[in-house]
Amino acid sequence: MKIERAVLSFSPNAIRKPVTYLLVSNYKLRLNILRAKVMPGEEGRLLLELSGDEDKIREGLTYLASLDVRIDRVQSFYSVDCTKCTESKKCFQVCPADAIDLNPGSERPVDIIEDNCILCEKCREVCPSGVFTFTF
């Protein structure tokens, strides 16, 4: 069984389509919605963790693309400016997903582990130096 994370972006018209239901019923995938942002008349986004057969995940994502749903990697929605890092470690302490990688004294003293990140932005909220930027 493979696990893959993706951010699905829906146009205002596509929000009304039952895409998560279709992924479950047509492709036998298990879904975990890690974060969602859906507002009437605006683009909607889901951070989704898909579990299932690798071929079925690929088929399901291809199907979503045919419905005009954009599929992006989690990394597309954050940036880390290591030049600002003061190594306070506050980001590491608040991260509920163990997605902060600390390397004190190195060229990249802090980074985000993409496979763990749930785009909660807690690291951004506590960072005194503005190291993290999110666009979810």
C-alpha atoms as a PDB file:
ATOM      1  CA  MET A   1       0.000   0.000   0.000  1.00  0.00           C
ATOM      2  CA  LYS A   2       1.357   3.373  -1.010  1.00  0.00           C
ATOM      3  CA  ILE A   3       0.716   6.681   0.765  1.00  0.00           C
ATOM      4  CA  GLU A   4       0.923   9.950  -1.147  1.00  0.00           C
ATOM      5  CA  ARG A   5       0.161  13.543  -0.199  1.00  0.00           C
ATOM      6  CA  ALA A   6      -1.153  16.141  -2.596  1.00  0.00           C
ATOM      7  CA  VAL A   7      -2.778  19.546  -2.526  1.00  0.00           C
ATOM      8  CA  LEU A   8      -5.889  19.635  -4.675  1.00  0.00           C
ATOM      9  CA  SER A   9      -7.033  23.048  -5.929  1.00  0.00           C
ATOM     10  CA  PHE A  10     -10.563  23.439  -7.243  1.00  0.00           C
ATOM     11  CA  SER A  11     -12.054  26.250  -9.301  1.00  0.00           C
ATOM     12  CA  PRO A  12     -15.244  27.767  -7.813  1.00  0.00           C
ATOM     13  CA  ASN A  13     -17.254  25.637 -10.286  1.00  0.00           C
ATOM     14  CA  ALA A  14     -15.448  22.404  -9.418  1.00  0.00           C
ATOM     15  CA  ILE A  15     -16.057  22.747  -5.653  1.00  0.00           C
ATOM     16  CA  ARG A  16     -19.521  21.260  -6.034  1.00  0.00           C
ATOM     17  CA  LYS A  17     -18.196  17.997  -7.530  1.00  0.00           C
ATOM     18  CA  PRO A  18     -17.959  15.028  -5.106  1.00  0.00           C
ATOM     19  CA  VAL A  19     -14.309  14.343  -5.875  1.00  0.00           C
ATOM     20  CA  THR A  20     -13.329  12.790  -2.559  1.00  0.00           C
ATOM     21  CA  TYR A  21     -16.314  10.442  -2.739  1.00  0.00           C
ATOM     22  CA  LEU A  22     -15.350   9.458  -6.289  1.00  0.00           C
ATOM     23  CA  LEU A  23     -11.771   8.696  -5.240  1.00  0.00           C
ATOM     24  CA  VAL A  24     -13.082   6.351  -2.565  1.00  0.00           C
ATOM     25  CA  SER A  25     -15.843   4.677  -4.567  1.00  0.00           C
ATOM     26  CA  ASN A  26     -14.256   4.476  -8.038  1.00  0.00           C
ATOM     27  CA  TYR A  27     -10.602   3.936  -7.115  1.00  0.00           C
ATOM     28  CA  LYS A  28     -10.880   2.252  -3.691  1.00  0.00           C
ATOM     29  CA  LEU A  29      -8.556   4.809  -2.086  1.00  0.00           C
ATOM     30  CA  ARG A  30      -8.437   5.710   1.593  1.00  0.00           C
ATOM     31  CA  LEU A  31      -8.385   9.448   2.166  1.00  0.00           C
ATOM     32  CA  ASN A  32      -7.260  11.566   5.063  1.00  0.00           C
ATOM     33  CA  ILE A  33      -8.073  15.263   4.725  1.00  0.00           C
ATOM     34  CA  LEU A  34      -5.261  17.000   6.601  1.00  0.00           C
ATOM     35  CA  ARG A  35      -6.340  20.568   5.818  1.00  0.00           C
ATOM     36  CA  ALA A  36      -9.108  22.186   3.816  1.00  0.00           C
ATOM     37  CA  LYS A  37      -9.979  25.685   2.698  1.00  0.00           C
ATOM     38  CA  VAL A  38     -13.277  25.964   0.844  1.00  0.00           C
ATOM     39  CA  MET A  39     -15.139  29.253   0.479  1.00  0.00           C
ATOM     40  CA  PRO A  40     -18.117  29.938  -1.815  1.00  0.00           C
ATOM     41  CA  GLY A  41     -17.047  31.738  -4.996  1.00  0.00           C
ATOM     42  CA  GLU A  42     -13.317  31.196  -4.348  1.00  0.00           C
ATOM     43  CA  GLU A  43     -10.743  28.577  -5.240  1.00  0.00           C
ATOM     44  CA  GLY A  44     -10.899  25.662  -2.806  1.00  0.00           C
ATOM     45  CA  ARG A  45      -7.959  23.615  -1.568  1.00  0.00           C
ATOM     46  CA  LEU A  46      -7.534  20.258   0.152  1.00  0.00           C
ATOM     47  CA  LEU A  47      -4.363  18.806   1.578  1.00  0.00           C
ATOM     48  CA  LEU A  48      -5.086  15.148   1.092  1.00  0.00           C
ATOM     49  CA  GLU A  49      -3.265  11.984   2.072  1.00  0.00           C
ATOM     50  CA  LEU A  50      -4.189   9.146  -0.288  1.00  0.00           C
ATOM     51  CA  SER A  51      -3.574   5.495   0.567  1.00  0.00           C
ATOM     52  CA  GLY A  52      -4.001   2.536  -1.712  1.00  0.00           C
ATOM     53  CA  ASP A  53      -2.638   0.663  -4.664  1.00  0.00           C
ATOM     54  CA  GLU A  54      -0.036   2.780  -6.497  1.00  0.00           C
ATOM     55  CA  ASP A  55      -1.788   2.319  -9.859  1.00  0.00           C
ATOM     56  CA  LYS A  56      -5.143   3.309  -8.361  1.00  0.00           C
ATOM     57  CA  ILE A  57      -3.631   6.463  -6.836  1.00  0.00           C
ATOM     58  CA  ARG A  58      -2.193   7.403 -10.228  1.00  0.00           C
ATOM     59  CA  GLU A  59      -5.515   6.675 -11.958  1.00  0.00           C
ATOM     60  CA  GLY A  60      -7.442   8.683  -9.364  1.00  0.00           C
ATOM     61  CA  LEU A  61      -5.151  11.701  -9.696  1.00  0.00           C
ATOM     62  CA  THR A  62      -5.389  11.507 -13.491  1.00  0.00           C
ATOM     63  CA  TYR A  63      -9.165  11.448 -13.166  1.00  0.00           C
ATOM     64  CA  LEU A  64      -9.084  14.543 -10.933  1.00  0.00           C
ATOM     65  CA  ALA A  65      -6.933  16.370 -13.470  1.00  0.00           C
ATOM     66  CA  SER A  66      -9.583  15.595 -16.120  1.00  0.00           C
ATOM     67  CA  LEU A  67     -12.115  17.386 -13.880  1.00  0.00           C
ATOM     68  CA  ASP A  68      -9.932  20.524 -13.943  1.00  0.00           C
ATOM     69  CA  VAL A  69      -8.620  19.931 -10.435  1.00  0.00           C
ATOM     70  CA  ARG A  70      -5.017  21.121 -10.094  1.00  0.00           C
ATOM     71  CA  ILE A  71      -2.719  18.754  -8.200  1.00  0.00           C
ATOM     72  CA  ASP A  72       0.420  20.101  -6.507  1.00  0.00           C
ATOM     73  CA  ARG A  73       3.054  18.875  -4.112  1.00  0.00           C
ATOM     74  CA  VAL A  74       2.903  20.163  -0.524  1.00  0.00           C
ATOM     75  CA  GLN A  75       6.254  21.896  -1.053  1.00  0.00           C
ATOM     76  CA  SER A  76       4.617  24.280  -3.531  1.00  0.00           C
ATOM     77  CA  PHE A  77       2.818  26.003  -0.647  1.00  0.00           C
ATOM     78  CA  TYR A  78       5.645  26.972   1.679  1.00  0.00           C
ATOM     79  CA  SER A  79       9.097  28.488   1.622  1.00  0.00           C
ATOM     80  CA  VAL A  80      11.876  28.609   4.199  1.00  0.00           C
ATOM     81  CA  ASP A  81      14.314  31.544   4.339  1.00  0.00           C
ATOM     82  CA  CYS A  82      17.189  30.075   6.342  1.00  0.00           C
ATOM     83  CA  THR A  83      19.123  33.342   6.241  1.00  0.00           C
ATOM     84  CA  LYS A  84      16.655  34.739   8.798  1.00  0.00           C
ATOM     85  CA  CYS A  85      16.871  31.821  11.244  1.00  0.00           C
ATOM     86  CA  THR A  86      18.071  32.703  14.748  1.00  0.00           C
ATOM     87  CA  GLU A  87      17.799  29.070  15.894  1.00  0.00           C
ATOM     88  CA  SER A  88      15.177  29.792  18.572  1.00  0.00           C
ATOM     89  CA  LYS A  89      13.752  26.263  18.047  1.00  0.00           C
ATOM     90  CA  LYS A  90      10.212  27.524  18.710  1.00  0.00           C
ATOM     91  CA  CYS A  91       9.067  26.106  15.359  1.00  0.00           C
ATOM     92  CA  PHE A  92      10.306  22.651  16.328  1.00  0.00           C
ATOM     93  CA  GLN A  93       8.536  22.817  19.688  1.00  0.00           C
ATOM     94  CA  VAL A  94       5.076  23.646  18.271  1.00  0.00           C
ATOM     95  CA  CYS A  95       4.994  21.480  15.151  1.00  0.00           C
ATOM     96  CA  PRO A  96       2.265  18.826  15.653  1.00  0.00           C
ATOM     97  CA  ALA A  97       3.459  16.777  12.675  1.00  0.00           C
ATOM     98  CA  ASP A  98       7.188  16.435  13.424  1.00  0.00           C
ATOM     99  CA  ALA A  99       7.839  18.294  10.171  1.00  0.00           C
ATOM    100  CA  ILE A 100      10.641  20.590  11.350  1.00  0.00           C
ATOM    101  CA  ASP A 101      14.207  19.484  10.722  1.00  0.00           C
ATOM    102  CA  LEU A 102      16.784  21.314  12.854  1.00  0.00           C
ATOM    103  CA  ASN A 103      20.461  21.435  11.902  1.00  0.00           C
ATOM    104  CA  PRO A 104      21.976  24.062  14.244  1.00  0.00           C
ATOM    105  CA  GLY A 105      25.096  25.773  12.952  1.00  0.00           C
ATOM    106  CA  SER A 106      24.670  24.519   9.388  1.00  0.00           C
ATOM    107  CA  GLU A 107      23.952  26.399   6.176  1.00  0.00           C
ATOM    108  CA  ARG A 108      20.290  25.331   6.495  1.00  0.00           C
ATOM    109  CA  PRO A 109      19.673  25.438  10.261  1.00  0.00           C
ATOM    110  CA  VAL A 110      15.962  24.720   9.787  1.00  0.00           C
ATOM    111  CA  ASP A 111      13.890  23.051   7.101  1.00  0.00           C
ATOM    112  CA  ILE A 112      10.475  21.499   6.607  1.00  0.00           C
ATOM    113  CA  ILE A 113      10.100  17.770   6.037  1.00  0.00           C
ATOM    114  CA  GLU A 114       7.622  17.793   3.158  1.00  0.00           C
ATOM    115  CA  ASP A 115       6.305  14.271   3.774  1.00  0.00           C
ATOM    116  CA  ASN A 116       5.274  15.261   7.321  1.00  0.00           C
ATOM    117  CA  CYS A 117       4.054  18.845   6.836  1.00  0.00           C
ATOM    118  CA  ILE A 118       0.297  19.426   7.173  1.00  0.00           C
ATOM    119  CA  LEU A 119       0.518  23.150   6.308  1.00  0.00           C
ATOM    120  CA  CYS A 120      -0.872  24.154   9.716  1.00  0.00           C
ATOM    121  CA  GLU A 121       1.424  27.218   9.800  1.00  0.00           C
ATOM    122  CA  LYS A 122       2.125  26.901  13.522  1.00  0.00           C
ATOM    123  CA  CYS A 123       5.864  27.290  12.812  1.00  0.00           C
ATOM    124  CA  ARG A 124       5.187  30.568  11.010  1.00  0.00           C
ATOM    125  CA  GLU A 125       3.058  31.838  13.884  1.00  0.00           C
ATOM    126  CA  VAL A 126       5.774  31.350  16.537  1.00  0.00           C
ATOM    127  CA  CYS A 127       8.910  32.142  14.535  1.00  0.00           C
ATOM    128  CA  PRO A 128      10.356  35.446  15.789  1.00  0.00           C
ATOM    129  CA  SER A 129      12.361  35.921  12.567  1.00  0.00           C
ATOM    130  CA  GLY A 130       9.783  35.293   9.819  1.00  0.00           C
ATOM    131  CA  VAL A 131      11.607  32.283   8.400  1.00  0.00           C
ATOM    132  CA  PHE A 132       8.462  30.545   7.109  1.00  0.00           C
ATOM    133  CA  THR A 133       6.016  31.693   4.429  1.00  0.00           C
ATOM    134  CA  PHE A 134       2.864  29.809   3.456  1.00  0.00           C
ATOM    135  CA  THR A 135       0.441  30.289   0.577  1.00  0.00           C
ATOM    136  CA  PHE A 136      -2.245  27.689   1.341  1.00  0.00           C
END
